[in-house]
Amino acid sequence: MRFSYRKGNVTIEYNGKKARFHGDICPHGFIALVSSMEWADPDNNAPVTEEDRRELIRLINRNATPTNNKFYFVDDDYYALDYYNNL
């Protein structure tokens, strides 16, 4: 799993796919808007399903360690979504 940060978004490469979340960098990680997930591959125009979101968020949460950045998943009003943050 590989992360690429740019102002306002993060691109995540995993299992040969690229996905992008929009959000903000914060002092201890990245605040990601769950609903903003999109495929970053130019050839992949498929819509993002709820199962796609869950799978990727699970992988991110499992790979998080104290030495790398933490992801905080929030809804569009920036309320923390415990459902996603505890997958």
N, C-alpha and C. Protein backbone atom coordinates (compact mmCIF):
# COMPACT_ATOMS: atom_id res chain seq x y z
N MET A 1 0.86 -1.16 0.00
CA MET A 1 0.00 0.00 0.00
C MET A 1 0.91 1.23 0.00
N ARG A 2 0.61 2.14 -0.90
CA ARG A 2 1.44 3.33 -1.06
C ARG A 2 0.56 4.58 -1.03
N PHE A 3 1.02 5.62 -0.35
CA PHE A 3 0.26 6.86 -0.20
C PHE A 3 1.00 8.01 -0.86
N SER A 4 0.26 8.85 -1.59
CA SER A 4 0.83 10.05 -2.20
C SER A 4 -0.05 11.22 -1.77
N TYR A 5 0.54 12.16 -1.06
CA TYR A 5 -0.22 13.30 -0.56
C TYR A 5 -0.02 14.52 -1.45
N ARG A 6 -1.09 15.22 -1.69
CA ARG A 6 -1.07 16.53 -2.34
C ARG A 6 -2.01 17.41 -1.56
N LYS A 7 -1.89 18.68 -1.77
CA LYS A 7 -2.76 19.60 -1.05
C LYS A 7 -4.22 19.25 -1.34
N GLY A 8 -4.94 18.86 -0.32
CA GLY A 8 -6.36 18.59 -0.45
C GLY A 8 -6.75 17.18 -0.83
N ASN A 9 -5.77 16.29 -1.09
CA ASN A 9 -6.15 14.91 -1.38
C ASN A 9 -5.00 13.95 -1.14
N VAL A 10 -5.35 12.68 -1.05
CA VAL A 10 -4.37 11.61 -0.93
C VAL A 10 -4.74 10.53 -1.95
N THR A 11 -3.74 10.02 -2.64
CA THR A 11 -3.93 8.92 -3.58
C THR A 11 -3.32 7.68 -2.97
N ILE A 12 -4.08 6.60 -2.99
CA ILE A 12 -3.66 5.35 -2.37
C ILE A 12 -3.58 4.28 -3.45
N GLU A 13 -2.43 3.65 -3.55
CA GLU A 13 -2.24 2.56 -4.49
C GLU A 13 -2.30 1.25 -3.71
N TYR A 14 -3.17 0.34 -4.16
CA TYR A 14 -3.30 -0.96 -3.49
C TYR A 14 -3.86 -1.96 -4.48
N ASN A 15 -3.38 -3.18 -4.42
CA ASN A 15 -3.85 -4.27 -5.27
C ASN A 15 -3.95 -3.87 -6.75
N GLY A 16 -3.02 -3.10 -7.23
CA GLY A 16 -3.03 -2.68 -8.62
C GLY A 16 -4.04 -1.60 -8.96
N LYS A 17 -4.69 -1.03 -7.96
CA LYS A 17 -5.68 0.04 -8.17
C LYS A 17 -5.18 1.32 -7.53
N LYS A 18 -5.75 2.44 -7.97
CA LYS A 18 -5.46 3.73 -7.35
C LYS A 18 -6.79 4.37 -6.98
N ALA A 19 -6.88 4.82 -5.74
CA ALA A 19 -8.08 5.51 -5.27
C ALA A 19 -7.65 6.84 -4.67
N ARG A 20 -8.56 7.79 -4.70
CA ARG A 20 -8.26 9.13 -4.17
C ARG A 20 -9.36 9.54 -3.19
N PHE A 21 -8.92 10.12 -2.06
CA PHE A 21 -9.82 10.74 -1.10
C PHE A 21 -9.49 12.22 -1.04
N HIS A 22 -10.48 13.06 -0.97
CA HIS A 22 -10.28 14.48 -0.74
C HIS A 22 -10.41 14.74 0.75
N GLY A 23 -9.74 15.75 1.23
CA GLY A 23 -9.78 16.08 2.65
C GLY A 23 -8.70 17.08 2.99
N ASP A 24 -8.18 16.99 4.19
CA ASP A 24 -7.18 17.94 4.67
C ASP A 24 -6.10 17.22 5.46
N ILE A 25 -4.87 17.70 5.31
CA ILE A 25 -3.78 17.20 6.13
C ILE A 25 -3.90 17.87 7.50
N CYS A 26 -3.74 17.09 8.55
CA CYS A 26 -3.79 17.62 9.91
C CYS A 26 -2.49 17.23 10.61
N PRO A 27 -2.22 17.76 11.81
CA PRO A 27 -0.93 17.50 12.47
C PRO A 27 -0.59 16.02 12.65
N HIS A 28 -1.58 15.17 12.84
CA HIS A 28 -1.30 13.76 13.11
C HIS A 28 -1.76 12.83 12.02
N GLY A 29 -2.05 13.35 10.82
CA GLY A 29 -2.48 12.47 9.75
C GLY A 29 -3.27 13.19 8.68
N PHE A 30 -4.31 12.53 8.21
CA PHE A 30 -5.11 13.05 7.11
C PHE A 30 -6.58 12.86 7.44
N ILE A 31 -7.37 13.91 7.30
CA ILE A 31 -8.82 13.84 7.49
C ILE A 31 -9.41 13.60 6.11
N ALA A 32 -10.01 12.43 5.92
CA ALA A 32 -10.52 12.03 4.61
C ALA A 32 -12.04 12.05 4.59
N LEU A 33 -12.61 12.68 3.57
CA LEU A 33 -14.06 12.66 3.38
C LEU A 33 -14.45 11.35 2.72
N VAL A 34 -15.22 10.54 3.43
CA VAL A 34 -15.58 9.21 2.94
C VAL A 34 -16.28 9.30 1.58
N SER A 35 -17.20 10.23 1.44
CA SER A 35 -17.99 10.32 0.21
C SER A 35 -17.18 10.80 -1.00
N SER A 36 -15.96 11.30 -0.76
CA SER A 36 -15.17 11.83 -1.87
C SER A 36 -14.32 10.78 -2.57
N MET A 37 -14.33 9.55 -2.10
CA MET A 37 -13.50 8.52 -2.72
C MET A 37 -13.85 8.38 -4.20
N GLU A 38 -12.79 8.35 -5.01
CA GLU A 38 -12.95 8.15 -6.45
C GLU A 38 -11.76 7.35 -6.94
N TRP A 39 -11.94 6.70 -8.07
CA TRP A 39 -10.82 5.98 -8.67
C TRP A 39 -9.89 6.98 -9.34
N ALA A 40 -8.59 6.85 -9.09
CA ALA A 40 -7.60 7.77 -9.65
C ALA A 40 -7.02 7.26 -10.96
N ASP A 41 -7.34 6.03 -11.33
CA ASP A 41 -6.86 5.49 -12.61
C ASP A 41 -7.65 6.13 -13.74
N PRO A 42 -6.98 6.66 -14.75
CA PRO A 42 -7.70 7.27 -15.87
C PRO A 42 -8.56 6.27 -16.64
N ASP A 43 -8.19 4.98 -16.60
CA ASP A 43 -8.94 3.96 -17.34
C ASP A 43 -10.13 3.41 -16.57
N ASN A 44 -10.23 3.74 -15.30
CA ASN A 44 -11.29 3.18 -14.47
C ASN A 44 -12.40 4.21 -14.26
N ASN A 45 -13.47 4.09 -15.02
CA ASN A 45 -14.61 5.00 -14.90
C ASN A 45 -15.74 4.39 -14.09
N ALA A 46 -15.49 3.24 -13.48
CA ALA A 46 -16.54 2.56 -12.71
C ALA A 46 -16.90 3.40 -11.48
N PRO A 47 -18.16 3.39 -11.09
CA PRO A 47 -18.53 4.10 -9.87
C PRO A 47 -17.96 3.40 -8.64
N VAL A 48 -17.71 4.16 -7.60
CA VAL A 48 -17.22 3.62 -6.34
C VAL A 48 -18.43 3.11 -5.55
N THR A 49 -18.37 1.86 -5.15
CA THR A 49 -19.47 1.29 -4.37
C THR A 49 -19.16 1.39 -2.88
N GLU A 50 -20.17 1.17 -2.08
CA GLU A 50 -19.98 1.18 -0.62
C GLU A 50 -19.00 0.06 -0.23
N GLU A 51 -19.07 -1.06 -0.90
CA GLU A 51 -18.14 -2.17 -0.60
C GLU A 51 -16.70 -1.78 -0.95
N ASP A 52 -16.50 -1.03 -2.04
CA ASP A 52 -15.16 -0.53 -2.38
C ASP A 52 -14.62 0.35 -1.25
N ARG A 53 -15.47 1.25 -0.77
CA ARG A 53 -15.05 2.14 0.34
C ARG A 53 -14.67 1.32 1.57
N ARG A 54 -15.54 0.40 1.94
CA ARG A 54 -15.27 -0.41 3.15
C ARG A 54 -13.97 -1.20 3.02
N GLU A 55 -13.76 -1.82 1.86
CA GLU A 55 -12.55 -2.61 1.66
C GLU A 55 -11.30 -1.76 1.80
N LEU A 56 -11.28 -0.62 1.15
CA LEU A 56 -10.10 0.24 1.20
C LEU A 56 -9.88 0.80 2.60
N ILE A 57 -10.95 1.24 3.24
CA ILE A 57 -10.80 1.80 4.59
C ILE A 57 -10.32 0.74 5.57
N ARG A 58 -10.81 -0.48 5.43
CA ARG A 58 -10.33 -1.59 6.27
C ARG A 58 -8.83 -1.79 6.08
N LEU A 59 -8.39 -1.79 4.83
CA LEU A 59 -6.96 -1.97 4.54
C LEU A 59 -6.13 -0.84 5.14
N ILE A 60 -6.61 0.39 5.00
CA ILE A 60 -5.89 1.54 5.56
C ILE A 60 -5.79 1.43 7.07
N ASN A 61 -6.91 1.12 7.73
CA ASN A 61 -6.91 1.01 9.19
C ASN A 61 -6.01 -0.12 9.68
N ARG A 62 -5.96 -1.22 8.95
CA ARG A 62 -5.11 -2.36 9.35
C ARG A 62 -3.63 -2.05 9.17
N ASN A 63 -3.30 -1.21 8.19
CA ASN A 63 -1.90 -0.89 7.93
C ASN A 63 -1.40 0.31 8.70
N ALA A 64 -2.26 0.95 9.47
CA ALA A 64 -1.85 2.12 10.25
C ALA A 64 -0.99 1.67 11.43
N THR A 65 0.10 2.38 11.63
CA THR A 65 0.98 2.11 12.77
C THR A 65 1.27 3.44 13.45
N PRO A 66 1.75 3.41 14.68
CA PRO A 66 2.06 4.67 15.36
C PRO A 66 3.13 5.51 14.66
N THR A 67 3.92 4.89 13.78
CA THR A 67 5.00 5.64 13.14
C THR A 67 4.60 6.27 11.81
N ASN A 68 3.41 5.94 11.29
CA ASN A 68 3.00 6.59 10.04
C ASN A 68 1.74 7.42 10.29
N ASN A 69 1.33 8.15 9.29
CA ASN A 69 0.17 9.01 9.45
C ASN A 69 -1.10 8.22 9.66
N LYS A 70 -1.96 8.75 10.49
CA LYS A 70 -3.26 8.16 10.77
C LYS A 70 -4.29 8.79 9.85
N PHE A 71 -5.27 8.00 9.45
CA PHE A 71 -6.38 8.52 8.66
C PHE A 71 -7.60 8.64 9.56
N TYR A 72 -8.26 9.77 9.46
CA TYR A 72 -9.52 10.01 10.17
C TYR A 72 -10.59 10.16 9.11
N PHE A 73 -11.55 9.26 9.09
CA PHE A 73 -12.60 9.29 8.08
C PHE A 73 -13.80 10.04 8.64
N VAL A 74 -14.29 11.02 7.87
CA VAL A 74 -15.40 11.86 8.32
C VAL A 74 -16.45 11.96 7.22
N ASP A 75 -17.68 12.34 7.63
CA ASP A 75 -18.72 12.57 6.62
C ASP A 75 -18.58 13.99 6.08
N ASP A 76 -19.50 14.41 5.26
CA ASP A 76 -19.39 15.72 4.60
C ASP A 76 -19.46 16.90 5.55
N ASP A 77 -19.98 16.70 6.75
CA ASP A 77 -20.04 17.77 7.75
C ASP A 77 -18.88 17.70 8.74
N TYR A 78 -17.90 16.87 8.42
CA TYR A 78 -16.70 16.67 9.24
C TYR A 78 -17.01 16.05 10.60
N TYR A 79 -18.09 15.30 10.68
CA TYR A 79 -18.34 14.51 11.88
C TYR A 79 -17.58 13.21 11.72
N ALA A 80 -16.84 12.84 12.75
CA ALA A 80 -16.08 11.58 12.68
C ALA A 80 -17.04 10.42 12.55
N LEU A 81 -16.73 9.53 11.67
CA LEU A 81 -17.55 8.35 11.46
C LEU A 81 -16.89 7.17 12.16
N ASP A 82 -17.34 6.88 13.36
CA ASP A 82 -16.76 5.76 14.11
C ASP A 82 -16.90 4.46 13.35
N TYR A 83 -17.98 4.34 12.58
CA TYR A 83 -18.18 3.12 11.81
C TYR A 83 -16.98 2.85 10.91
N TYR A 84 -16.53 3.86 10.20
CA TYR A 84 -15.40 3.68 9.29
C TYR A 84 -14.07 3.65 10.04
N ASN A 85 -13.95 4.45 11.07
CA ASN A 85 -12.68 4.53 11.78
C ASN A 85 -12.39 3.28 12.59
N ASN A 86 -13.38 2.44 12.81
CA ASN A 86 -13.18 1.21 13.59
C ASN A 86 -13.30 -0.05 12.76
N LEU A 87 -13.29 0.04 11.44
CA LEU A 87 -13.37 -1.16 10.60
C LEU A 87 -12.11 -1.98 10.73
